[in-house]
Amino acid sequence: MDGNFNENDISHIVDADKAHVWHHLIQHKQFETKDPRIIVEGKGMRVWDQNGKEFLDAVSGGVWTVNVGYGRESIADAVHAQLMKLCYFAQTAGSIPGSLYAEKLISKMPGMSRVYYTNSGSEANEKAFKMVRQIAHKRFGGKKHKILYRDRDYHGGTLATMSAGGQDERVMQYGPLAPGFVRVPHCMEYRAHEQDLDHLSSEEYGVASANLIEEVILREGADTIGALCLEPVTAGGGVITPPPGYWDRVQEICKKYDILLHIDEVVCGVGRTGTWFGYQQYGIKPDIVTMAKGVASGYAAIALCVTTEAVFDMFKDDPNDPLGFFRDISTFGGCTAGPAAALENMRIIEEENLLDNCTKMGERMMGNLQALMEKHEVIGDVRGKGLFLGVELVADRTSKEPVAEAQVAQVAAECGAQGVIIGMSNKSVPGRNNVLCFSPALIVTADDIDLITDSVDKALTKVFG
């Protein structure tokens, strides 16, 4: 820490926080007897709290965001310079950083061509849903309006994105939800036995789990399905990597029934898996791609809904139709700080070869975690792609019964006590919140990786013996 805060400053900040701030995803009753954590500084892979305690951040800001690490002066400088020149103008007009970043981004996304600026992942997904619904009215008399989503996937916290949410605990008590969203089964090979598909090989399971999507389409009526919205790697639902054969079959199904394929890259996008986008790991050719978190590594709020030219053209086919274009606006999609930060963020990833580092360090971390699996019976599965990994904890490897969520929280807390912040699936899937989650910044070193996995080793030993 740079020591800019004295004890009185911190005391006032903590008091103000306890009196007025409503934190995310936290039960506040505890703060009647203890202080909330306040993160006051970050540099590289490390952050410091109000008490001066140093942490190695293995989740990039808590929610998989700070891909290039903390304290990047060049991004701060780029944002400052842009704000002094022009802070905002609605996207009814363009801006210099908006135009340049769109060009740069599309160069990394062969097959895609149009960038719609928004301010959050939830909002980006909302835009995609609205596009699908409007296309249904423009081309199919409103009938082809349903949007398929997958069990365990997450697409945001708005009413529509919750309606497309495959994590039941996250939507409890927020209903009634929006109609026209239909769930399809997950593709989690580790729990194939729960689908009576555990007799299949990996590739057979990949095809079979995709075929379950087709069954839903036929049940609902293919002429009612407008889009299929999926994460390339399921994130908060358990860090679920797709089995071989899955994505090839999914794309065949979408093409067969004229269904738009919407890939939600809010977590995986901009380097997290070792390629610019997670879908590029699997040869996917999407119609719509949404992204947010890593686009600017948290240095400014920005999210995007990116489409093919074919999707874009559907909204300019009849200039005489007053309802024919995409009649939507995102106020803070006009902020120029976002694309200015995103441009510099992308430059850093390129010049520092962070995609390569992601792949190499991801392999090291996977190896370390697999070694822990040999030592700790409580580890049932280790999975992931690049620097996005999960460790599933089970009470019994044969039955695959999950450990209690409270025990998973204990492991995370023990790592925190050692000065390492890790994540966990929590309040997401009833009875299945048993996965430790890791997403360190793309700048992570071998020593950092070893420190993270060593802390997990010690925490598992302390909690489970």
Protein backbone atom coordinates (compact mmCIF):
# COMPACT_ATOMS: atom_id res chain seq x y z
CA MET A 1 0.00 0.00 0.00
CA ASP A 2 1.10 3.55 -0.59
CA GLY A 3 0.04 4.67 2.90
CA ASN A 4 -2.25 7.48 1.78
CA PHE A 5 -4.90 6.59 4.37
CA ASN A 6 -4.46 7.22 8.07
CA GLU A 7 -6.37 5.43 10.83
CA ASN A 8 -8.98 8.18 11.16
CA ASP A 9 -9.64 8.21 7.40
CA ILE A 10 -10.20 4.45 7.36
CA SER A 11 -12.42 4.54 10.43
CA HIS A 12 -14.66 7.13 8.79
CA ILE A 13 -14.78 5.16 5.52
CA VAL A 14 -15.76 1.97 7.32
CA ASP A 15 -18.46 3.82 9.28
CA ALA A 16 -19.81 5.40 6.09
CA ASP A 17 -19.82 2.03 4.36
CA LYS A 18 -21.68 0.32 7.20
CA ALA A 19 -24.22 3.13 7.37
CA HIS A 20 -24.97 3.60 3.68
CA VAL A 21 -23.58 1.00 1.25
CA TRP A 22 -25.71 -1.95 0.14
CA HIS A 23 -23.14 -4.58 -0.90
CA HIS A 24 -23.73 -7.18 -3.59
CA LEU A 25 -24.54 -10.82 -2.77
CA ILE A 26 -24.04 -10.35 0.98
CA GLN A 27 -26.27 -10.79 4.03
CA HIS A 28 -25.69 -7.57 5.99
CA LYS A 29 -26.76 -8.78 9.43
CA GLN A 30 -23.14 -9.76 10.08
CA PHE A 31 -22.03 -6.14 9.82
CA GLU A 32 -23.84 -5.29 13.03
CA THR A 33 -20.98 -7.00 14.86
CA LYS A 34 -18.07 -6.80 12.43
CA ASP A 35 -16.72 -4.55 9.70
CA PRO A 36 -17.20 -5.14 5.98
CA ARG A 37 -14.11 -5.69 3.89
CA ILE A 38 -13.03 -2.61 1.96
CA ILE A 39 -10.41 -3.01 -0.75
CA VAL A 40 -8.38 0.19 -0.86
CA GLU A 41 -5.62 -0.49 -3.38
CA GLY A 42 -4.52 -2.90 -6.09
CA LYS A 43 -1.26 -3.45 -7.92
CA GLY A 44 -0.55 -6.24 -10.36
CA MET A 45 -2.01 -9.42 -8.86
CA ARG A 46 -2.31 -8.02 -5.32
CA VAL A 47 -4.92 -6.01 -3.43
CA TRP A 48 -4.93 -4.56 0.08
CA ASP A 49 -7.84 -4.14 2.49
CA GLN A 50 -8.52 -1.34 4.98
CA ASN A 51 -6.38 -3.07 7.59
CA GLY A 52 -3.36 -3.22 5.31
CA LYS A 53 -3.66 -6.98 4.74
CA GLU A 54 -2.27 -8.07 1.38
CA PHE A 55 -4.10 -10.60 -0.78
CA LEU A 56 -3.18 -12.44 -3.94
CA ASP A 57 -6.34 -12.09 -6.03
CA ALA A 58 -7.12 -15.37 -7.80
CA VAL A 59 -10.50 -14.21 -9.10
CA SER A 60 -9.60 -10.94 -10.85
CA GLY A 61 -11.68 -8.54 -8.81
CA GLY A 62 -14.02 -11.10 -7.28
CA VAL A 63 -16.00 -11.68 -10.47
CA TRP A 64 -13.51 -12.53 -13.24
CA THR A 65 -12.94 -8.99 -14.53
CA VAL A 66 -9.45 -7.49 -14.08
CA ASN A 67 -7.77 -9.48 -16.84
CA VAL A 68 -4.63 -7.32 -17.16
CA GLY A 69 -4.14 -6.76 -13.44
CA TYR A 70 -4.38 -3.71 -11.20
CA GLY A 71 -2.58 -0.37 -11.40
CA ARG A 72 -2.20 -0.01 -15.17
CA GLU A 73 -1.21 3.64 -15.55
CA SER A 74 -1.44 3.51 -19.33
CA ILE A 75 -5.14 2.62 -19.17
CA ALA A 76 -5.80 5.33 -16.59
CA ASP A 77 -3.93 7.82 -18.77
CA ALA A 78 -5.91 6.82 -21.87
CA VAL A 79 -9.19 7.24 -20.00
CA HIS A 80 -8.14 10.61 -18.55
CA ALA A 81 -7.07 11.96 -21.93
CA GLN A 82 -10.33 10.85 -23.54
CA LEU A 83 -12.50 12.28 -20.75
CA MET A 84 -10.81 15.64 -21.12
CA LYS A 85 -11.47 15.59 -24.87
CA LEU A 86 -15.03 14.19 -24.85
CA CYS A 87 -16.59 12.29 -21.96
CA TYR A 88 -19.88 11.37 -23.57
CA PHE A 89 -22.22 11.64 -26.47
CA ALA A 90 -25.14 9.31 -27.14
CA GLN A 91 -24.49 6.53 -29.63
CA THR A 92 -26.90 8.12 -32.07
CA ALA A 93 -23.56 9.63 -33.14
CA GLY A 94 -20.17 8.00 -33.15
CA SER A 95 -17.00 8.75 -31.19
CA ILE A 96 -13.31 8.36 -31.96
CA PRO A 97 -12.57 5.61 -29.41
CA GLY A 98 -15.88 3.89 -30.17
CA SER A 99 -15.08 3.66 -33.87
CA LEU A 100 -11.47 2.61 -33.37
CA TYR A 101 -12.24 -0.03 -30.77
CA ALA A 102 -15.03 -1.52 -32.90
CA GLU A 103 -12.56 -1.85 -35.77
CA LYS A 104 -9.92 -3.41 -33.52
CA LEU A 105 -12.37 -5.79 -31.89
CA ILE A 106 -13.84 -7.04 -35.16
CA SER A 107 -10.31 -7.81 -36.39
CA LYS A 108 -10.20 -10.42 -33.59
CA MET A 109 -13.60 -11.90 -34.47
CA PRO A 110 -13.67 -13.30 -38.02
CA GLY A 111 -17.24 -13.61 -39.24
CA MET A 112 -18.58 -10.85 -36.99
CA SER A 113 -18.96 -7.26 -38.16
CA ARG A 114 -21.14 -4.94 -36.02
CA VAL A 115 -20.64 -3.63 -32.48
CA TYR A 116 -23.46 -2.31 -30.28
CA TYR A 117 -22.22 -0.48 -27.16
CA THR A 118 -23.87 -0.97 -23.78
CA ASN A 119 -22.77 -0.71 -20.14
CA SER A 120 -23.09 -4.18 -18.57
CA GLY A 121 -23.20 -7.84 -19.46
CA SER A 122 -26.84 -8.08 -18.44
CA GLU A 123 -27.72 -5.18 -20.71
CA ALA A 124 -25.73 -6.61 -23.62
CA ASN A 125 -27.71 -9.84 -23.34
CA GLU A 126 -30.96 -7.86 -23.13
CA LYS A 127 -30.06 -6.18 -26.42
CA ALA A 128 -29.49 -9.56 -28.02
CA PHE A 129 -32.86 -10.80 -26.75
CA LYS A 130 -34.57 -7.70 -28.14
CA MET A 131 -32.93 -8.25 -31.52
CA VAL A 132 -34.19 -11.83 -31.58
CA ARG A 133 -37.71 -10.76 -30.63
CA GLN A 134 -37.79 -8.00 -33.24
CA ILE A 135 -36.54 -10.37 -35.93
CA ALA A 136 -39.37 -12.72 -34.98
CA HIS A 137 -41.90 -9.95 -35.64
CA LYS A 138 -40.21 -8.68 -38.80
CA ARG A 139 -39.81 -12.07 -40.46
CA PHE A 140 -42.01 -14.64 -38.74
CA GLY A 141 -45.16 -12.83 -37.64
CA GLY A 142 -43.93 -12.86 -34.04
CA LYS A 143 -44.04 -16.66 -33.80
CA LYS A 144 -40.32 -17.49 -33.76
CA HIS A 145 -39.73 -15.59 -30.52
CA LYS A 146 -38.66 -18.16 -27.94
CA ILE A 147 -35.13 -18.10 -26.60
CA LEU A 148 -33.48 -21.28 -25.37
CA TYR A 149 -31.01 -21.17 -22.49
CA ARG A 150 -29.05 -23.89 -20.71
CA ASP A 151 -29.32 -25.34 -17.24
CA ARG A 152 -26.56 -23.89 -14.99
CA ASP A 153 -25.73 -20.98 -17.35
CA TYR A 154 -26.05 -17.36 -16.17
CA HIS A 155 -26.79 -14.33 -18.34
CA GLY A 156 -27.47 -11.48 -15.91
CA GLY A 157 -29.57 -9.98 -13.15
CA THR A 158 -32.30 -8.14 -15.05
CA LEU A 159 -35.77 -9.63 -15.31
CA ALA A 160 -35.27 -10.88 -18.87
CA THR A 161 -31.79 -12.27 -18.26
CA MET A 162 -32.97 -13.97 -15.07
CA SER A 163 -35.73 -15.51 -17.18
CA ALA A 164 -32.90 -16.97 -19.28
CA GLY A 165 -30.99 -18.05 -16.17
CA GLY A 166 -30.16 -21.68 -15.51
CA GLN A 167 -29.30 -21.10 -11.84
CA ASP A 168 -32.51 -21.53 -9.88
CA GLU A 169 -31.36 -20.01 -6.59
CA ARG A 170 -30.51 -16.75 -8.32
CA VAL A 171 -34.09 -16.27 -9.47
CA MET A 172 -35.97 -17.43 -6.38
CA GLN A 173 -38.38 -14.77 -5.03
CA TYR A 174 -37.93 -12.59 -8.13
CA GLY A 175 -40.79 -14.00 -10.15
CA PRO A 176 -42.96 -14.04 -12.04
CA LEU A 177 -40.37 -14.19 -14.77
CA ALA A 178 -40.75 -13.19 -18.42
CA PRO A 179 -42.41 -15.68 -20.79
CA GLY A 180 -40.81 -17.11 -23.91
CA PHE A 181 -37.61 -18.45 -22.36
CA VAL A 182 -37.14 -22.23 -22.40
CA ARG A 183 -34.48 -24.26 -20.61
CA VAL A 184 -32.36 -26.98 -22.21
CA PRO A 185 -30.23 -29.54 -20.28
CA HIS A 186 -26.61 -28.96 -19.28
CA CYS A 187 -23.59 -30.66 -20.88
CA MET A 188 -21.71 -31.48 -17.67
CA GLU A 189 -20.04 -34.82 -18.27
CA TYR A 190 -19.06 -35.23 -14.62
CA ARG A 191 -22.76 -35.43 -13.78
CA ALA A 192 -23.86 -37.39 -16.84
CA HIS A 193 -25.20 -40.05 -14.43
CA GLU A 194 -27.92 -37.61 -13.41
CA GLN A 195 -29.10 -37.68 -17.03
CA ASP A 196 -28.72 -41.47 -17.35
CA LEU A 197 -25.96 -40.89 -19.92
CA ASP A 198 -22.92 -42.00 -17.93
CA HIS A 199 -22.57 -45.19 -20.02
CA LEU A 200 -21.39 -43.10 -22.99
CA SER A 201 -17.86 -42.11 -24.01
CA SER A 202 -16.91 -38.42 -23.79
CA GLU A 203 -17.65 -37.74 -27.45
CA GLU A 204 -20.83 -39.79 -27.37
CA TYR A 205 -21.96 -37.81 -24.35
CA GLY A 206 -21.13 -34.53 -26.11
CA VAL A 207 -23.39 -35.44 -29.02
CA ALA A 208 -26.08 -36.88 -26.76
CA SER A 209 -26.22 -33.78 -24.53
CA ALA A 210 -26.55 -31.61 -27.65
CA ASN A 211 -29.31 -33.89 -28.91
CA LEU A 212 -31.22 -33.10 -25.71
CA ILE A 213 -31.44 -29.54 -27.05
CA GLU A 214 -33.00 -30.82 -30.24
CA GLU A 215 -35.58 -32.71 -28.19
CA VAL A 216 -36.63 -29.45 -26.54
CA ILE A 217 -36.82 -27.72 -29.93
CA LEU A 218 -39.10 -30.44 -31.31
CA ARG A 219 -41.25 -30.38 -28.20
CA GLU A 220 -41.71 -26.60 -28.35
CA GLY A 221 -41.97 -26.45 -32.15
CA ALA A 222 -38.96 -25.39 -34.22
CA ASP A 223 -41.00 -22.61 -35.79
CA THR A 224 -41.29 -20.96 -32.36
CA ILE A 225 -37.55 -20.93 -31.48
CA GLY A 226 -35.63 -17.78 -32.42
CA ALA A 227 -32.30 -18.23 -30.65
CA LEU A 228 -30.16 -20.44 -28.47
CA CYS A 229 -28.15 -18.54 -25.83
CA LEU A 230 -25.17 -20.36 -24.31
CA GLU A 231 -21.93 -19.65 -22.47
CA PRO A 232 -18.89 -21.21 -24.22
CA VAL A 233 -17.79 -22.46 -20.79
CA THR A 234 -20.45 -22.33 -18.08
CA ALA A 235 -19.12 -19.96 -15.42
CA GLY A 236 -20.89 -19.53 -12.06
CA GLY A 237 -22.86 -22.73 -12.60
CA GLY A 238 -19.72 -24.77 -11.94
CA VAL A 239 -17.01 -23.92 -14.52
CA ILE A 240 -18.29 -26.51 -16.98
CA THR A 241 -16.24 -27.14 -20.11
CA PRO A 242 -18.18 -28.69 -23.01
CA PRO A 243 -17.39 -32.30 -23.95
CA PRO A 244 -15.95 -33.13 -27.39
CA GLY A 245 -18.54 -33.25 -30.13
CA TYR A 246 -20.94 -30.98 -28.29
CA TRP A 247 -20.45 -27.73 -30.17
CA ASP A 248 -20.32 -29.33 -33.61
CA ARG A 249 -23.69 -30.93 -32.97
CA VAL A 250 -25.16 -27.75 -31.46
CA GLN A 251 -24.26 -25.81 -34.58
CA GLU A 252 -25.78 -28.48 -36.81
CA ILE A 253 -29.01 -28.23 -34.86
CA CYS A 254 -29.13 -24.43 -35.04
CA LYS A 255 -28.54 -24.48 -38.79
CA LYS A 256 -31.14 -27.21 -39.32
CA TYR A 257 -33.90 -25.27 -37.58
CA ASP A 258 -32.84 -21.70 -38.54
CA ILE A 259 -32.06 -20.74 -34.96
CA LEU A 260 -29.69 -17.87 -34.16
CA LEU A 261 -26.72 -18.87 -32.00
CA HIS A 262 -26.01 -16.31 -29.27
CA ILE A 263 -22.76 -16.86 -27.36
CA ASP A 264 -22.47 -15.11 -23.99
CA GLU A 265 -18.77 -14.23 -23.57
CA VAL A 266 -19.26 -11.93 -20.57
CA VAL A 267 -16.84 -14.08 -18.53
CA CYS A 268 -14.74 -15.86 -21.19
CA GLY A 269 -14.28 -12.92 -23.54
CA VAL A 270 -11.02 -11.05 -24.18
CA GLY A 271 -8.48 -13.64 -23.22
CA ARG A 272 -9.79 -15.59 -20.25
CA THR A 273 -9.48 -19.02 -21.92
CA GLY A 274 -6.26 -18.37 -23.89
CA THR A 275 -7.94 -17.19 -27.09
CA TRP A 276 -9.58 -13.82 -27.62
CA PHE A 277 -12.96 -15.46 -27.09
CA GLY A 278 -14.01 -18.74 -25.57
CA TYR A 279 -16.07 -19.73 -28.60
CA GLN A 280 -12.88 -19.69 -30.68
CA GLN A 281 -11.62 -22.67 -28.67
CA TYR A 282 -14.40 -24.81 -30.14
CA GLY A 283 -14.75 -23.70 -33.77
CA ILE A 284 -18.08 -21.99 -33.13
CA LYS A 285 -19.52 -19.58 -35.72
CA PRO A 286 -21.99 -17.45 -33.74
CA ASP A 287 -24.61 -15.01 -34.97
CA ILE A 288 -24.47 -12.85 -31.84
CA VAL A 289 -21.71 -12.48 -29.21
CA THR A 290 -22.05 -10.54 -25.98
CA MET A 291 -19.18 -9.50 -23.71
CA ALA A 292 -18.36 -7.26 -20.76
CA LYS A 293 -16.04 -7.99 -17.82
CA GLY A 294 -12.60 -8.34 -19.41
CA VAL A 295 -13.26 -5.89 -22.25
CA ALA A 296 -11.66 -3.08 -20.25
CA SER A 297 -10.53 -5.11 -17.22
CA GLY A 298 -12.76 -3.06 -14.94
CA TYR A 299 -10.99 0.25 -15.65
CA ALA A 300 -14.24 1.59 -17.16
CA ALA A 301 -17.75 0.24 -17.53
CA ILE A 302 -18.31 -1.17 -21.00
CA ALA A 303 -20.21 -4.07 -22.58
CA LEU A 304 -20.91 -5.03 -26.16
CA CYS A 305 -23.39 -6.90 -28.28
CA VAL A 306 -21.64 -7.96 -31.50
CA THR A 307 -23.45 -9.40 -34.52
CA THR A 308 -22.80 -10.71 -37.99
CA GLU A 309 -23.59 -8.51 -40.97
CA ALA A 310 -26.49 -10.85 -41.78
CA VAL A 311 -28.14 -10.04 -38.43
CA PHE A 312 -27.42 -6.33 -38.86
CA ASP A 313 -28.93 -6.31 -42.35
CA MET A 314 -32.27 -7.51 -41.02
CA PHE A 315 -32.71 -4.10 -39.39
CA LYS A 316 -32.14 -1.98 -42.49
CA ASP A 317 -34.02 -3.97 -45.12
CA ASP A 318 -36.93 -1.50 -45.42
CA PRO A 319 -36.07 2.17 -44.75
CA ASN A 320 -39.74 3.11 -45.18
CA ASP A 321 -40.85 0.94 -42.26
CA PRO A 322 -40.96 3.17 -39.13
CA LEU A 323 -40.54 0.06 -36.96
CA GLY A 324 -37.95 -1.61 -39.17
CA PHE A 325 -34.71 -0.54 -37.48
CA PHE A 326 -33.42 -1.51 -34.02
CA ARG A 327 -35.23 1.06 -31.87
CA ASP A 328 -33.04 0.85 -28.82
CA ILE A 329 -30.57 3.02 -26.92
CA SER A 330 -28.17 2.47 -24.05
CA THR A 331 -27.44 5.76 -22.29
CA PHE A 332 -24.05 4.80 -20.94
CA GLY A 333 -23.20 3.00 -24.16
CA GLY A 334 -22.23 6.53 -25.22
CA CYS A 335 -19.50 6.89 -22.59
CA THR A 336 -16.13 7.25 -24.28
CA ALA A 337 -14.07 6.04 -21.31
CA GLY A 338 -15.09 2.43 -22.00
CA PRO A 339 -13.74 2.05 -25.54
CA ALA A 340 -10.69 4.19 -24.67
CA ALA A 341 -9.87 1.79 -21.84
CA ALA A 342 -10.71 -1.23 -24.01
CA LEU A 343 -8.29 -0.15 -26.73
CA GLU A 344 -5.42 0.11 -24.28
CA ASN A 345 -6.48 -3.11 -22.56
CA MET A 346 -6.27 -4.95 -25.89
CA ARG A 347 -2.90 -3.38 -26.70
CA ILE A 348 -1.51 -4.64 -23.39
CA ILE A 349 -2.78 -8.17 -24.02
CA GLU A 350 -1.16 -8.18 -27.45
CA GLU A 351 2.18 -6.57 -26.58
CA GLU A 352 2.70 -8.58 -23.40
CA ASN A 353 1.65 -11.86 -25.08
CA LEU A 354 -0.92 -12.47 -22.38
CA LEU A 355 -2.92 -14.98 -24.42
CA ASP A 356 0.16 -17.21 -24.51
CA ASN A 357 0.74 -16.64 -20.80
CA CYS A 358 -2.88 -17.55 -20.12
CA THR A 359 -2.46 -20.86 -21.90
CA LYS A 360 0.87 -21.70 -20.24
CA MET A 361 -0.14 -20.68 -16.73
CA GLY A 362 -3.52 -22.34 -17.18
CA GLU A 363 -1.74 -25.61 -17.97
CA ARG A 364 0.44 -25.18 -14.88
CA MET A 365 -2.55 -24.49 -12.66
CA MET A 366 -4.48 -27.43 -14.11
CA GLY A 367 -1.50 -29.66 -13.39
CA ASN A 368 -1.21 -28.37 -9.83
CA LEU A 369 -4.92 -28.90 -9.18
CA GLN A 370 -4.84 -32.40 -10.64
CA ALA A 371 -1.96 -33.19 -8.29
CA LEU A 372 -4.11 -31.98 -5.40
CA MET A 373 -6.85 -34.32 -6.62
CA GLU A 374 -4.48 -37.26 -6.06
CA LYS A 375 -3.89 -36.06 -2.51
CA HIS A 376 -7.39 -35.00 -1.45
CA GLU A 377 -10.29 -37.44 -1.79
CA VAL A 378 -12.72 -34.55 -1.48
CA ILE A 379 -11.79 -33.35 -4.98
CA GLY A 380 -14.12 -35.10 -7.40
CA ASP A 381 -13.28 -33.24 -10.58
CA VAL A 382 -10.92 -30.58 -11.92
CA ARG A 383 -11.91 -28.77 -15.12
CA GLY A 384 -11.46 -25.55 -17.04
CA LYS A 385 -9.89 -23.79 -19.99
CA GLY A 386 -6.95 -21.39 -19.83
CA LEU A 387 -7.04 -19.35 -16.62
CA PHE A 388 -10.66 -20.24 -15.90
CA LEU A 389 -10.73 -23.32 -13.69
CA GLY A 390 -12.97 -25.10 -11.24
CA VAL A 391 -12.53 -27.77 -8.55
CA GLU A 392 -15.65 -29.72 -7.62
CA LEU A 393 -15.72 -30.96 -4.03
CA VAL A 394 -17.64 -34.12 -3.19
CA ALA A 395 -18.36 -36.08 -0.01
CA ASP A 396 -17.93 -39.34 -1.92
CA ARG A 397 -16.19 -39.89 -5.26
CA THR A 398 -18.34 -42.86 -6.17
CA SER A 399 -21.76 -41.31 -5.61
CA LYS A 400 -20.45 -37.82 -6.41
CA GLU A 401 -22.55 -36.42 -3.57
CA PRO A 402 -21.60 -32.72 -3.22
CA VAL A 403 -20.10 -31.43 0.00
CA ALA A 404 -22.14 -28.83 1.88
CA GLU A 405 -21.94 -25.28 0.59
CA ALA A 406 -20.84 -24.17 4.07
CA GLN A 407 -17.77 -26.40 3.80
CA VAL A 408 -16.87 -24.91 0.43
CA ALA A 409 -17.17 -21.47 2.01
CA GLN A 410 -14.84 -22.64 4.79
CA VAL A 411 -12.20 -23.57 2.23
CA ALA A 412 -12.49 -20.16 0.57
CA ALA A 413 -12.27 -18.48 3.98
CA GLU A 414 -9.16 -20.48 4.93
CA CYS A 415 -7.49 -19.41 1.69
CA GLY A 416 -8.42 -15.81 2.51
CA ALA A 417 -6.85 -16.16 5.94
CA GLN A 418 -3.64 -17.16 4.14
CA GLY A 419 -3.86 -14.05 1.96
CA VAL A 420 -5.30 -15.64 -1.20
CA ILE A 421 -8.75 -14.71 -2.52
CA ILE A 422 -10.47 -17.54 -4.39
CA GLY A 423 -14.06 -17.92 -5.59
CA MET A 424 -16.80 -20.47 -5.19
CA SER A 425 -20.15 -21.25 -6.71
CA ASN A 426 -22.69 -19.95 -4.23
CA LYS A 427 -26.44 -19.43 -4.05
CA SER A 428 -26.68 -20.59 -7.66
CA VAL A 429 -27.77 -24.20 -8.16
CA PRO A 430 -29.66 -25.79 -5.25
CA GLY A 431 -27.57 -28.55 -3.68
CA ARG A 432 -24.80 -28.04 -6.23
CA ASN A 433 -22.87 -25.04 -4.92
CA ASN A 434 -19.74 -27.09 -4.39
CA VAL A 435 -17.15 -25.76 -6.85
CA LEU A 436 -14.05 -23.70 -6.05
CA CYS A 437 -13.52 -21.14 -8.84
CA PHE A 438 -10.26 -19.65 -10.10
CA SER A 439 -9.66 -16.88 -12.64
CA PRO A 440 -6.40 -15.06 -11.89
CA ALA A 441 -5.36 -12.17 -14.11
CA LEU A 442 -3.66 -13.05 -17.38
CA ILE A 443 -0.40 -11.61 -16.00
CA VAL A 444 -0.14 -14.35 -13.35
CA THR A 445 3.30 -15.93 -12.85
CA ALA A 446 4.31 -19.50 -12.05
CA ASP A 447 5.09 -18.45 -8.48
CA ASP A 448 1.62 -16.92 -8.16
CA ILE A 449 0.01 -20.11 -9.46
CA ASP A 450 1.94 -22.22 -6.99
CA LEU A 451 0.99 -19.91 -4.12
CA ILE A 452 -2.70 -20.16 -5.05
CA THR A 453 -2.71 -23.96 -5.25
CA ASP A 454 -0.58 -24.29 -2.10
CA SER A 455 -3.15 -22.25 -0.20
CA VAL A 456 -5.93 -24.51 -1.51
CA ASP A 457 -3.93 -27.56 -0.40
CA LYS A 458 -3.59 -26.21 3.12
CA ALA A 459 -7.23 -25.10 3.26
CA LEU A 460 -8.53 -28.50 2.14
CA THR A 461 -6.35 -30.20 4.74
CA LYS A 462 -7.65 -27.95 7.48
CA VAL A 463 -11.34 -28.29 6.54
CA PHE A 464 -11.47 -31.95 5.49
CA GLY A 465 -8.32 -33.48 7.01
